[in-house]
């Protein structure tokens, strides 16, 4: 059923507190420089999976995690942030799920339970929020 012209539009979801940053310069295992690179494809897949969810996706040139190939980070303003490697260019929906899990976590830590396997095996670093340093 199509919406009527006079029906109110659905509001856009509020941005979640976690966002995804994908290394767009990541190359595949063969090291080829062909475009689009696997990192660019991962960024596009994450952006497509995030459409309408409130999760924001950005691409950056390099996350400096080249030994772990395809890399992305799930960043949080108020909680912990996470860096992942060994992803595939099809891991976009998993990154979105991770961002949603982190945004909904009351303690600011992405829960292990419910986390996609690639975000369990591919964990490179967990970074505390800057505010934790103010407490010490």
N, C-alpha and C. Protein backbone atom coordinates (compact mmCIF):
# COMPACT_ATOMS: atom_id res chain seq x y z
N UNK A 1 0.83 -1.17 0.00
CA UNK A 1 0.00 0.00 0.00
C UNK A 1 0.89 1.24 0.00
N UNK A 2 0.64 2.17 -0.89
CA UNK A 2 1.41 3.40 -0.99
C UNK A 2 0.89 4.42 0.01
N UNK A 3 1.80 5.25 0.55
CA UNK A 3 1.34 6.28 1.49
C UNK A 3 0.55 7.34 0.74
N UNK A 4 -0.43 7.90 1.43
CA UNK A 4 -1.21 9.00 0.85
C UNK A 4 -0.36 10.25 0.84
N UNK A 5 -0.69 11.15 -0.07
CA UNK A 5 0.06 12.40 -0.16
C UNK A 5 -0.03 13.23 1.11
N UNK A 6 -1.16 13.13 1.82
CA UNK A 6 -1.33 13.94 3.01
C UNK A 6 -0.87 13.22 4.29
N UNK A 7 -0.37 11.98 4.13
CA UNK A 7 0.10 11.24 5.29
C UNK A 7 1.43 11.83 5.75
N UNK A 8 1.64 11.94 7.06
CA UNK A 8 2.92 12.48 7.53
C UNK A 8 4.06 11.53 7.17
N UNK A 9 5.18 12.11 6.77
CA UNK A 9 6.36 11.31 6.44
C UNK A 9 6.94 10.74 7.72
N UNK A 10 7.50 9.53 7.61
CA UNK A 10 8.15 8.94 8.77
C UNK A 10 9.42 9.72 9.07
N UNK A 11 9.65 10.05 10.33
CA UNK A 11 10.86 10.81 10.65
C UNK A 11 12.10 9.94 10.45
N UNK A 12 13.20 10.57 10.08
CA UNK A 12 14.46 9.85 9.95
C UNK A 12 14.91 9.41 11.33
N UNK A 13 15.52 8.22 11.43
CA UNK A 13 15.98 7.79 12.75
C UNK A 13 17.08 8.71 13.27
N UNK A 14 17.10 8.88 14.58
CA UNK A 14 18.16 9.67 15.20
C UNK A 14 19.50 8.97 14.99
N UNK A 15 20.57 9.74 14.77
CA UNK A 15 21.88 9.09 14.66
C UNK A 15 22.21 8.36 15.96
N UNK A 16 22.76 7.17 15.84
CA UNK A 16 23.15 6.42 17.03
C UNK A 16 24.47 6.96 17.55
N UNK A 17 24.80 6.60 18.78
CA UNK A 17 26.01 7.14 19.40
C UNK A 17 27.28 6.49 18.86
N UNK A 18 27.17 5.38 18.12
CA UNK A 18 28.34 4.75 17.53
C UNK A 18 28.33 4.99 16.03
N UNK A 19 29.51 5.10 15.47
CA UNK A 19 29.61 5.27 14.02
C UNK A 19 30.70 4.34 13.49
N UNK A 20 30.61 4.05 12.22
CA UNK A 20 31.54 3.13 11.56
C UNK A 20 32.50 3.94 10.70
N UNK A 21 33.78 3.61 10.79
CA UNK A 21 34.79 4.20 9.94
C UNK A 21 35.49 3.05 9.23
N UNK A 22 35.47 3.08 7.90
CA UNK A 22 36.04 1.99 7.10
C UNK A 22 37.29 2.50 6.39
N UNK A 23 38.31 1.67 6.38
CA UNK A 23 39.53 1.98 5.63
C UNK A 23 39.26 1.73 4.16
N UNK A 24 39.11 2.78 3.39
CA UNK A 24 38.77 2.62 1.98
C UNK A 24 39.97 2.28 1.11
N UNK A 25 41.18 2.41 1.64
CA UNK A 25 42.36 2.11 0.84
C UNK A 25 42.82 0.67 0.98
N UNK A 26 42.16 -0.13 1.83
CA UNK A 26 42.55 -1.53 2.00
C UNK A 26 42.47 -2.27 0.68
N UNK A 27 43.49 -3.05 0.42
CA UNK A 27 43.55 -3.87 -0.78
C UNK A 27 43.25 -5.32 -0.41
N UNK A 28 43.03 -6.12 -1.42
CA UNK A 28 42.79 -7.54 -1.20
C UNK A 28 44.08 -8.29 -0.92
N UNK A 29 43.99 -9.59 -0.69
CA UNK A 29 45.17 -10.39 -0.36
C UNK A 29 46.23 -10.39 -1.46
N UNK A 30 45.82 -10.16 -2.70
CA UNK A 30 46.79 -10.15 -3.80
C UNK A 30 47.53 -8.81 -3.90
N UNK A 31 47.09 -7.80 -3.13
CA UNK A 31 47.76 -6.51 -3.12
C UNK A 31 47.51 -5.66 -4.35
N UNK A 32 46.60 -6.10 -5.22
CA UNK A 32 46.34 -5.36 -6.46
C UNK A 32 45.79 -3.97 -6.17
N UNK A 33 46.11 -3.03 -7.04
CA UNK A 33 45.69 -1.65 -6.87
C UNK A 33 44.42 -1.33 -7.66
N UNK A 34 43.75 -2.35 -8.17
CA UNK A 34 42.54 -2.14 -8.99
C UNK A 34 41.46 -1.45 -8.18
N UNK A 35 40.67 -0.63 -8.85
CA UNK A 35 39.54 0.06 -8.23
C UNK A 35 38.24 -0.54 -8.72
N UNK A 36 37.20 -0.60 -7.93
CA UNK A 36 37.22 -0.22 -6.52
C UNK A 36 37.99 -1.25 -5.70
N UNK A 37 38.71 -0.75 -4.71
CA UNK A 37 39.45 -1.62 -3.80
C UNK A 37 38.45 -2.31 -2.87
N UNK A 38 38.87 -3.43 -2.28
CA UNK A 38 37.98 -4.10 -1.32
C UNK A 38 37.52 -3.19 -0.19
N UNK A 39 38.37 -2.28 0.26
CA UNK A 39 37.97 -1.34 1.31
C UNK A 39 36.86 -0.42 0.86
N UNK A 40 36.90 0.00 -0.40
CA UNK A 40 35.84 0.84 -0.94
C UNK A 40 34.53 0.06 -1.03
N UNK A 41 34.64 -1.22 -1.41
CA UNK A 41 33.44 -2.06 -1.48
C UNK A 41 32.86 -2.30 -0.09
N UNK A 42 33.74 -2.49 0.91
CA UNK A 42 33.26 -2.66 2.29
C UNK A 42 32.56 -1.40 2.77
N UNK A 43 33.12 -0.24 2.48
CA UNK A 43 32.49 1.03 2.88
C UNK A 43 31.12 1.16 2.24
N UNK A 44 31.01 0.80 0.96
CA UNK A 44 29.72 0.88 0.27
C UNK A 44 28.71 -0.10 0.87
N UNK A 45 29.18 -1.32 1.18
CA UNK A 45 28.28 -2.32 1.78
C UNK A 45 27.80 -1.88 3.16
N UNK A 46 28.70 -1.28 3.93
CA UNK A 46 28.31 -0.79 5.27
C UNK A 46 27.30 0.36 5.14
N UNK A 47 27.55 1.27 4.21
CA UNK A 47 26.63 2.39 4.02
C UNK A 47 25.25 1.90 3.57
N UNK A 48 25.23 0.91 2.69
CA UNK A 48 23.95 0.37 2.23
C UNK A 48 23.22 -0.32 3.38
N UNK A 49 23.95 -1.09 4.18
CA UNK A 49 23.32 -1.78 5.32
C UNK A 49 22.85 -0.80 6.38
N UNK A 50 23.49 0.35 6.47
CA UNK A 50 23.16 1.34 7.50
C UNK A 50 21.99 2.23 7.10
N UNK A 51 21.60 2.20 5.85
CA UNK A 51 20.53 3.10 5.37
C UNK A 51 19.28 2.94 6.23
N UNK A 52 18.80 4.05 6.78
CA UNK A 52 17.58 4.05 7.56
C UNK A 52 17.72 3.56 8.99
N UNK A 53 18.95 3.26 9.44
CA UNK A 53 19.14 2.72 10.79
C UNK A 53 19.61 3.74 11.81
N UNK A 54 20.09 4.90 11.35
CA UNK A 54 20.67 5.87 12.26
C UNK A 54 22.16 5.67 12.45
N UNK A 55 22.73 4.61 11.90
CA UNK A 55 24.17 4.37 11.97
C UNK A 55 24.84 5.18 10.88
N UNK A 56 25.86 5.95 11.24
CA UNK A 56 26.61 6.74 10.26
C UNK A 56 27.87 5.99 9.85
N UNK A 57 28.18 6.05 8.56
CA UNK A 57 29.35 5.37 8.01
C UNK A 57 30.22 6.40 7.30
N UNK A 58 31.51 6.35 7.58
CA UNK A 58 32.48 7.21 6.91
C UNK A 58 33.62 6.34 6.41
N UNK A 59 34.29 6.83 5.38
CA UNK A 59 35.48 6.14 4.86
C UNK A 59 36.68 7.05 5.06
N UNK A 60 37.80 6.46 5.40
CA UNK A 60 39.06 7.19 5.55
C UNK A 60 40.11 6.49 4.70
N UNK A 61 41.18 7.19 4.39
CA UNK A 61 42.21 6.63 3.52
C UNK A 61 42.96 5.47 4.15
N UNK A 62 43.31 5.52 5.42
CA UNK A 62 44.10 4.43 5.98
C UNK A 62 43.92 4.38 7.49
N UNK A 63 43.68 3.18 8.00
CA UNK A 63 43.62 2.97 9.45
C UNK A 63 44.93 2.39 9.98
N UNK A 64 45.91 2.16 9.11
CA UNK A 64 47.22 1.68 9.55
C UNK A 64 47.21 0.26 10.08
N UNK A 65 46.28 -0.55 9.62
CA UNK A 65 46.15 -1.93 10.08
C UNK A 65 46.38 -2.88 8.91
N UNK A 66 47.36 -2.57 8.08
CA UNK A 66 47.55 -3.26 6.80
C UNK A 66 47.82 -4.76 6.93
N UNK A 67 48.48 -5.18 7.99
CA UNK A 67 48.76 -6.62 8.16
C UNK A 67 47.48 -7.42 8.37
N UNK A 68 46.42 -6.77 8.81
CA UNK A 68 45.15 -7.46 9.05
C UNK A 68 44.15 -7.17 7.93
N UNK A 69 44.66 -6.64 6.83
CA UNK A 69 43.88 -6.36 5.61
C UNK A 69 42.66 -5.49 5.88
N UNK A 70 41.53 -5.90 5.33
CA UNK A 70 40.33 -5.06 5.40
C UNK A 70 40.03 -4.70 6.84
N UNK A 71 39.98 -3.39 7.10
CA UNK A 71 39.83 -2.91 8.47
C UNK A 71 38.74 -1.86 8.59
N UNK A 72 38.16 -1.82 9.76
CA UNK A 72 37.15 -0.82 10.07
C UNK A 72 37.16 -0.60 11.58
N UNK A 73 36.59 0.51 11.98
CA UNK A 73 36.46 0.81 13.40
C UNK A 73 35.01 1.16 13.69
N UNK A 74 34.57 0.79 14.88
CA UNK A 74 33.27 1.21 15.38
C UNK A 74 33.60 2.13 16.54
N UNK A 75 33.28 3.41 16.35
CA UNK A 75 33.66 4.44 17.30
C UNK A 75 32.47 4.87 18.13
N UNK A 76 32.74 5.19 19.39
CA UNK A 76 31.70 5.65 20.29
C UNK A 76 32.18 6.92 20.99
N UNK A 77 31.29 7.89 21.12
CA UNK A 77 31.61 9.13 21.83
C UNK A 77 31.69 8.90 23.33
N UNK A 78 30.86 8.02 23.84
CA UNK A 78 30.75 7.87 25.29
C UNK A 78 31.21 6.51 25.79
N UNK A 79 31.35 5.53 24.90
CA UNK A 79 31.77 4.19 25.31
C UNK A 79 33.11 3.82 24.69
N UNK A 80 33.41 2.56 24.72
CA UNK A 80 34.63 2.04 24.13
C UNK A 80 34.51 2.06 22.61
N UNK A 81 35.64 2.14 21.93
CA UNK A 81 35.71 2.06 20.48
C UNK A 81 36.47 0.80 20.11
N UNK A 82 36.22 0.28 18.91
CA UNK A 82 36.75 -1.01 18.50
C UNK A 82 37.35 -0.92 17.11
N UNK A 83 38.50 -1.59 16.92
CA UNK A 83 39.14 -1.70 15.61
C UNK A 83 39.10 -3.18 15.22
N UNK A 84 38.68 -3.43 13.99
CA UNK A 84 38.58 -4.80 13.48
C UNK A 84 39.40 -4.94 12.21
N UNK A 85 39.95 -6.12 12.02
CA UNK A 85 40.67 -6.45 10.80
C UNK A 85 40.21 -7.80 10.28
N UNK A 86 40.82 -8.23 9.20
CA UNK A 86 40.49 -9.51 8.56
C UNK A 86 39.02 -9.57 8.16
N UNK A 87 38.44 -8.43 7.79
CA UNK A 87 37.05 -8.38 7.35
C UNK A 87 36.99 -8.74 5.87
N UNK A 88 35.80 -8.96 5.38
CA UNK A 88 35.61 -9.16 3.94
C UNK A 88 34.83 -7.96 3.41
N UNK A 89 34.79 -7.82 2.11
CA UNK A 89 34.05 -6.68 1.55
C UNK A 89 32.55 -6.88 1.69
N UNK A 90 32.14 -8.00 2.28
CA UNK A 90 30.72 -8.26 2.55
C UNK A 90 30.38 -8.12 4.04
N UNK A 91 31.29 -7.59 4.84
CA UNK A 91 31.10 -7.47 6.29
C UNK A 91 30.31 -6.23 6.70
N UNK A 92 29.81 -5.46 5.75
CA UNK A 92 29.08 -4.23 6.06
C UNK A 92 27.93 -4.43 7.03
N UNK A 93 27.02 -5.39 6.77
CA UNK A 93 25.92 -5.61 7.71
C UNK A 93 26.39 -5.99 9.12
N UNK A 94 27.49 -6.74 9.21
CA UNK A 94 28.02 -7.11 10.52
C UNK A 94 28.53 -5.89 11.27
N UNK A 95 29.18 -4.96 10.56
CA UNK A 95 29.64 -3.73 11.20
C UNK A 95 28.46 -2.90 11.70
N UNK A 96 27.39 -2.84 10.93
CA UNK A 96 26.20 -2.10 11.35
C UNK A 96 25.60 -2.74 12.60
N UNK A 97 25.52 -4.06 12.62
CA UNK A 97 25.01 -4.74 13.82
C UNK A 97 25.90 -4.43 15.02
N UNK A 98 27.22 -4.45 14.83
CA UNK A 98 28.13 -4.12 15.92
C UNK A 98 27.92 -2.70 16.43
N UNK A 99 27.73 -1.75 15.52
CA UNK A 99 27.49 -0.36 15.91
C UNK A 99 26.18 -0.25 16.70
N UNK A 100 25.18 -0.97 16.26
CA UNK A 100 23.89 -0.93 16.97
C UNK A 100 24.02 -1.55 18.36
N UNK A 101 24.74 -2.69 18.47
CA UNK A 101 24.96 -3.31 19.76
C UNK A 101 25.69 -2.37 20.71
N UNK A 102 26.72 -1.69 20.19
CA UNK A 102 27.48 -0.76 21.02
C UNK A 102 26.62 0.42 21.45
N UNK A 103 25.82 0.94 20.55
CA UNK A 103 24.95 2.09 20.87
C UNK A 103 23.93 1.75 21.94
N UNK A 104 23.50 0.50 21.98
CA UNK A 104 22.47 0.08 22.92
C UNK A 104 23.04 -0.43 24.24
N UNK A 105 24.37 -0.55 24.34
CA UNK A 105 25.00 -1.10 25.53
C UNK A 105 25.04 -0.06 26.65
N UNK A 106 24.41 -0.36 27.75
CA UNK A 106 24.34 0.58 28.87
C UNK A 106 25.72 0.86 29.47
N UNK A 107 26.62 -0.13 29.40
CA UNK A 107 27.95 0.04 29.99
C UNK A 107 28.99 0.56 29.00
N UNK A 108 28.58 0.82 27.74
CA UNK A 108 29.51 1.36 26.74
C UNK A 108 30.46 0.34 26.15
N UNK A 109 30.19 -0.94 26.39
CA UNK A 109 31.03 -2.02 25.87
C UNK A 109 30.20 -2.88 24.92
N UNK A 110 30.73 -3.12 23.73
CA UNK A 110 30.02 -3.95 22.76
C UNK A 110 29.91 -5.37 23.32
N UNK A 111 28.70 -5.87 23.49
CA UNK A 111 28.55 -7.20 24.08
C UNK A 111 29.12 -8.28 23.17
N UNK A 112 29.70 -9.30 23.79
CA UNK A 112 30.24 -10.44 23.04
C UNK A 112 29.09 -11.25 22.45
N UNK A 113 28.09 -11.49 23.28
CA UNK A 113 26.92 -12.25 22.83
C UNK A 113 26.15 -11.43 21.80
N UNK A 114 25.87 -12.02 20.68
CA UNK A 114 25.15 -11.34 19.62
C UNK A 114 26.07 -10.67 18.61
N UNK A 115 27.36 -10.56 18.95
CA UNK A 115 28.32 -9.95 18.04
C UNK A 115 28.59 -10.92 16.89
N UNK A 116 28.58 -10.45 15.65
CA UNK A 116 28.87 -11.34 14.52
C UNK A 116 30.27 -11.95 14.65
N UNK A 117 30.44 -13.15 14.11
CA UNK A 117 31.72 -13.86 14.23
C UNK A 117 32.90 -13.04 13.73
N UNK A 118 32.73 -12.32 12.62
CA UNK A 118 33.87 -11.56 12.10
C UNK A 118 34.29 -10.44 13.05
N UNK A 119 33.39 -10.00 13.93
CA UNK A 119 33.73 -8.99 14.92
C UNK A 119 34.27 -9.62 16.20
N UNK A 120 34.17 -10.92 16.32
CA UNK A 120 34.82 -11.64 17.42
C UNK A 120 36.25 -12.00 17.01
N UNK A 121 36.38 -12.67 15.87
CA UNK A 121 37.69 -13.13 15.40
C UNK A 121 38.58 -11.98 14.93
N UNK A 122 37.98 -10.93 14.40
CA UNK A 122 38.76 -9.85 13.81
C UNK A 122 39.11 -8.71 14.74
N UNK A 123 38.82 -8.84 16.02
CA UNK A 123 39.11 -7.76 16.96
C UNK A 123 40.61 -7.49 17.02
N UNK A 124 41.00 -6.25 16.77
CA UNK A 124 42.39 -5.83 16.83
C UNK A 124 42.65 -5.05 18.11
N UNK A 125 41.74 -4.14 18.44
CA UNK A 125 41.92 -3.31 19.64
C UNK A 125 40.58 -2.84 20.16
N UNK A 126 40.55 -2.66 21.46
CA UNK A 126 39.41 -2.04 22.13
C UNK A 126 39.97 -0.82 22.85
N UNK A 127 39.43 0.36 22.53
CA UNK A 127 40.00 1.61 23.00
C UNK A 127 39.04 2.27 23.98
N UNK A 128 39.52 2.60 25.19
CA UNK A 128 38.62 3.19 26.19
C UNK A 128 38.23 4.61 25.81
N UNK A 129 37.09 5.05 26.32
CA UNK A 129 36.71 6.44 26.08
C UNK A 129 37.69 7.37 26.81
N UNK A 130 37.89 8.55 26.26
CA UNK A 130 38.82 9.50 26.88
C UNK A 130 38.41 9.83 28.31
N UNK A 131 37.12 9.80 28.59
CA UNK A 131 36.64 10.16 29.93
C UNK A 131 37.16 9.21 31.00
N UNK A 132 37.50 7.98 30.62
CA UNK A 132 38.00 7.02 31.61
C UNK A 132 39.36 7.48 32.14
N UNK A 133 40.11 8.20 31.32
CA UNK A 133 41.40 8.70 31.75
C UNK A 133 41.27 9.82 32.77
N UNK A 134 40.16 10.55 32.70
CA UNK A 134 39.90 11.62 33.67
C UNK A 134 39.59 11.07 35.05
N UNK A 135 39.18 9.81 35.12
CA UNK A 135 38.80 9.21 36.40
C UNK A 135 40.00 8.70 37.16
N UNK A 136 41.15 8.57 36.50
CA UNK A 136 42.32 8.01 37.18
C UNK A 136 43.26 9.09 37.67
